[in-house]
């Protein structure tokens, strides 16, 4: 919503999706210094995508497939205890590579 709301972002995700709908990528947690692989799938019928850290069952991140092409996208985060939160994902500019 463009409003400051707490501490700066500390979770960064990079996703790739295959033509078959397989999602892979990395989750970089700046607060822990840990990078973990993520995996998931896109449902072609419902156009929903979901992913989580590889080897874990929660939390699961869910959003619409077409949303992933937008600069900002709401995502639902489903936690193991049954809670669901709505988070905002924001596309970052690709960093400039040194020449």
C-alpha atoms as a PDB file:
ATOM      1  CA  UNK A   1       0.000   0.000   0.000  1.00  0.00           C
ATOM      2  CA  UNK A   2       3.068   2.228  -0.092  1.00  0.00           C
ATOM      3  CA  UNK A   3       2.922   2.929   3.645  1.00  0.00           C
ATOM      4  CA  UNK A   4       5.843   2.236   5.975  1.00  0.00           C
ATOM      5  CA  UNK A   5       4.902  -0.654   8.213  1.00  0.00           C
ATOM      6  CA  UNK A   6       7.648  -1.817  10.513  1.00  0.00           C
ATOM      7  CA  UNK A   7      11.097  -3.140   9.889  1.00  0.00           C
ATOM      8  CA  UNK A   8      12.699  -3.324   6.440  1.00  0.00           C
ATOM      9  CA  UNK A   9      12.217  -6.517   4.390  1.00  0.00           C
ATOM     10  CA  UNK A  10      14.409  -9.455   5.334  1.00  0.00           C
ATOM     11  CA  UNK A  11      12.971 -12.248   3.154  1.00  0.00           C
ATOM     12  CA  UNK A  12      13.812 -12.359  -0.541  1.00  0.00           C
ATOM     13  CA  UNK A  13      12.609 -15.029  -2.960  1.00  0.00           C
ATOM     14  CA  UNK A  14      13.707 -15.755  -6.502  1.00  0.00           C
ATOM     15  CA  UNK A  15      11.376 -18.000  -8.491  1.00  0.00           C
ATOM     16  CA  UNK A  16      11.450 -19.803 -11.815  1.00  0.00           C
ATOM     17  CA  UNK A  17       8.537 -21.693 -13.354  1.00  0.00           C
ATOM     18  CA  UNK A  18       8.746 -24.328 -16.083  1.00  0.00           C
ATOM     19  CA  UNK A  19       6.226 -24.798 -18.889  1.00  0.00           C
ATOM     20  CA  UNK A  20       4.966 -27.817 -16.941  1.00  0.00           C
ATOM     21  CA  UNK A  21       4.183 -25.576 -13.943  1.00  0.00           C
ATOM     22  CA  UNK A  22       7.050 -26.704 -11.700  1.00  0.00           C
ATOM     23  CA  UNK A  23       8.293 -23.893  -9.442  1.00  0.00           C
ATOM     24  CA  UNK A  24      11.845 -23.751  -8.123  1.00  0.00           C
ATOM     25  CA  UNK A  25      14.014 -21.071  -6.624  1.00  0.00           C
ATOM     26  CA  UNK A  26      15.654 -19.742  -3.486  1.00  0.00           C
ATOM     27  CA  UNK A  27      14.530 -18.030  -0.303  1.00  0.00           C
ATOM     28  CA  UNK A  28      17.168 -15.729   1.185  1.00  0.00           C
ATOM     29  CA  UNK A  29      16.559 -14.809   4.827  1.00  0.00           C
ATOM     30  CA  UNK A  30      18.748 -11.774   5.563  1.00  0.00           C
ATOM     31  CA  UNK A  31      17.947 -11.863   9.294  1.00  0.00           C
ATOM     32  CA  UNK A  32      19.342 -15.410   9.676  1.00  0.00           C
ATOM     33  CA  UNK A  33      21.856 -15.341   6.821  1.00  0.00           C
ATOM     34  CA  UNK A  34      20.311 -18.575   5.524  1.00  0.00           C
ATOM     35  CA  UNK A  35      19.426 -19.393   1.911  1.00  0.00           C
ATOM     36  CA  UNK A  36      17.089 -22.314   1.252  1.00  0.00           C
ATOM     37  CA  UNK A  37      15.705 -23.913  -1.902  1.00  0.00           C
ATOM     38  CA  UNK A  38      11.977 -23.566  -2.582  1.00  0.00           C
ATOM     39  CA  UNK A  39       9.732 -25.821  -4.627  1.00  0.00           C
ATOM     40  CA  UNK A  40       6.127 -25.785  -5.710  1.00  0.00           C
ATOM     41  CA  UNK A  41       3.612 -26.111  -8.500  1.00  0.00           C
ATOM     42  CA  UNK A  42       1.190 -24.091 -10.555  1.00  0.00           C
ATOM     43  CA  UNK A  43      -2.331 -25.437 -11.017  1.00  0.00           C
ATOM     44  CA  UNK A  44      -3.102 -24.796 -14.670  1.00  0.00           C
ATOM     45  CA  UNK A  45      -6.853 -25.087 -14.142  1.00  0.00           C
ATOM     46  CA  UNK A  46      -7.200 -22.656 -11.212  1.00  0.00           C
ATOM     47  CA  UNK A  47      -4.187 -20.486 -12.214  1.00  0.00           C
ATOM     48  CA  UNK A  48      -2.981 -20.593  -8.564  1.00  0.00           C
ATOM     49  CA  UNK A  49       0.640 -21.184  -7.596  1.00  0.00           C
ATOM     50  CA  UNK A  50       1.987 -22.415  -4.279  1.00  0.00           C
ATOM     51  CA  UNK A  51       5.480 -23.057  -2.949  1.00  0.00           C
ATOM     52  CA  UNK A  52       7.369 -23.719   0.263  1.00  0.00           C
ATOM     53  CA  UNK A  53      10.908 -24.395   1.449  1.00  0.00           C
ATOM     54  CA  UNK A  54      12.091 -27.680  -0.024  1.00  0.00           C
ATOM     55  CA  UNK A  55      11.532 -30.570   2.377  1.00  0.00           C
ATOM     56  CA  UNK A  56       9.101 -28.615   4.592  1.00  0.00           C
ATOM     57  CA  UNK A  57       5.315 -28.634   4.559  1.00  0.00           C
ATOM     58  CA  UNK A  58       4.777 -25.135   5.947  1.00  0.00           C
ATOM     59  CA  UNK A  59       4.607 -22.259   5.612  1.00  0.00           C
ATOM     60  CA  UNK A  60       3.075 -22.425   2.144  1.00  0.00           C
ATOM     61  CA  UNK A  61       2.999 -19.288  -0.015  1.00  0.00           C
ATOM     62  CA  UNK A  62       0.064 -18.996  -2.434  1.00  0.00           C
ATOM     63  CA  UNK A  63      -0.886 -16.450  -5.089  1.00  0.00           C
ATOM     64  CA  UNK A  64      -2.300 -16.196  -8.595  1.00  0.00           C
ATOM     65  CA  UNK A  65      -0.072 -17.170 -11.520  1.00  0.00           C
ATOM     66  CA  UNK A  66      -0.651 -13.909 -13.394  1.00  0.00           C
ATOM     67  CA  UNK A  67       0.179 -11.958 -10.230  1.00  0.00           C
ATOM     68  CA  UNK A  68       3.802 -13.073 -10.525  1.00  0.00           C
ATOM     69  CA  UNK A  69       4.195 -10.807 -13.559  1.00  0.00           C
ATOM     70  CA  UNK A  70       3.201  -7.711 -11.535  1.00  0.00           C
ATOM     71  CA  UNK A  71       5.480  -5.351  -9.568  1.00  0.00           C
ATOM     72  CA  UNK A  72       3.501  -5.877  -6.359  1.00  0.00           C
ATOM     73  CA  UNK A  73       1.369  -8.874  -5.499  1.00  0.00           C
ATOM     74  CA  UNK A  74      -0.604  -9.987  -2.461  1.00  0.00           C
ATOM     75  CA  UNK A  75       0.279 -13.486  -1.306  1.00  0.00           C
ATOM     76  CA  UNK A  76      -1.316 -15.724   1.293  1.00  0.00           C
ATOM     77  CA  UNK A  77       1.058 -17.378   3.761  1.00  0.00           C
ATOM     78  CA  UNK A  78      -0.412 -20.538   5.323  1.00  0.00           C
ATOM     79  CA  UNK A  79       1.365 -21.508   8.566  1.00  0.00           C
ATOM     80  CA  UNK A  80       1.534 -24.962  10.170  1.00  0.00           C
ATOM     81  CA  UNK A  81      -0.670 -23.850  13.097  1.00  0.00           C
ATOM     82  CA  UNK A  82      -3.554 -23.090  10.712  1.00  0.00           C
ATOM     83  CA  UNK A  83      -3.069 -19.313  10.638  1.00  0.00           C
ATOM     84  CA  UNK A  84      -3.090 -17.500   7.310  1.00  0.00           C
ATOM     85  CA  UNK A  85      -1.597 -14.050   6.759  1.00  0.00           C
ATOM     86  CA  UNK A  86      -1.657 -11.805   3.713  1.00  0.00           C
ATOM     87  CA  UNK A  87       1.767 -10.468   2.774  1.00  0.00           C
ATOM     88  CA  UNK A  88       2.804  -8.143  -0.026  1.00  0.00           C
ATOM     89  CA  UNK A  89       5.468  -9.338  -2.446  1.00  0.00           C
ATOM     90  CA  UNK A  90       7.386  -6.576  -4.238  1.00  0.00           C
ATOM     91  CA  UNK A  91       9.480  -7.089  -7.372  1.00  0.00           C
ATOM     92  CA  UNK A  92      13.003  -5.714  -7.051  1.00  0.00           C
ATOM     93  CA  UNK A  93      15.101  -4.359  -9.866  1.00  0.00           C
ATOM     94  CA  UNK A  94      17.680  -6.862 -11.058  1.00  0.00           C
ATOM     95  CA  UNK A  95      21.054  -5.769  -9.681  1.00  0.00           C
ATOM     96  CA  UNK A  96      23.576  -4.363 -12.121  1.00  0.00           C
ATOM     97  CA  UNK A  97      26.318  -6.854 -12.891  1.00  0.00           C
ATOM     98  CA  UNK A  98      29.860  -5.495 -12.718  1.00  0.00           C
ATOM     99  CA  UNK A  99      31.541  -5.126 -16.110  1.00  0.00           C
END
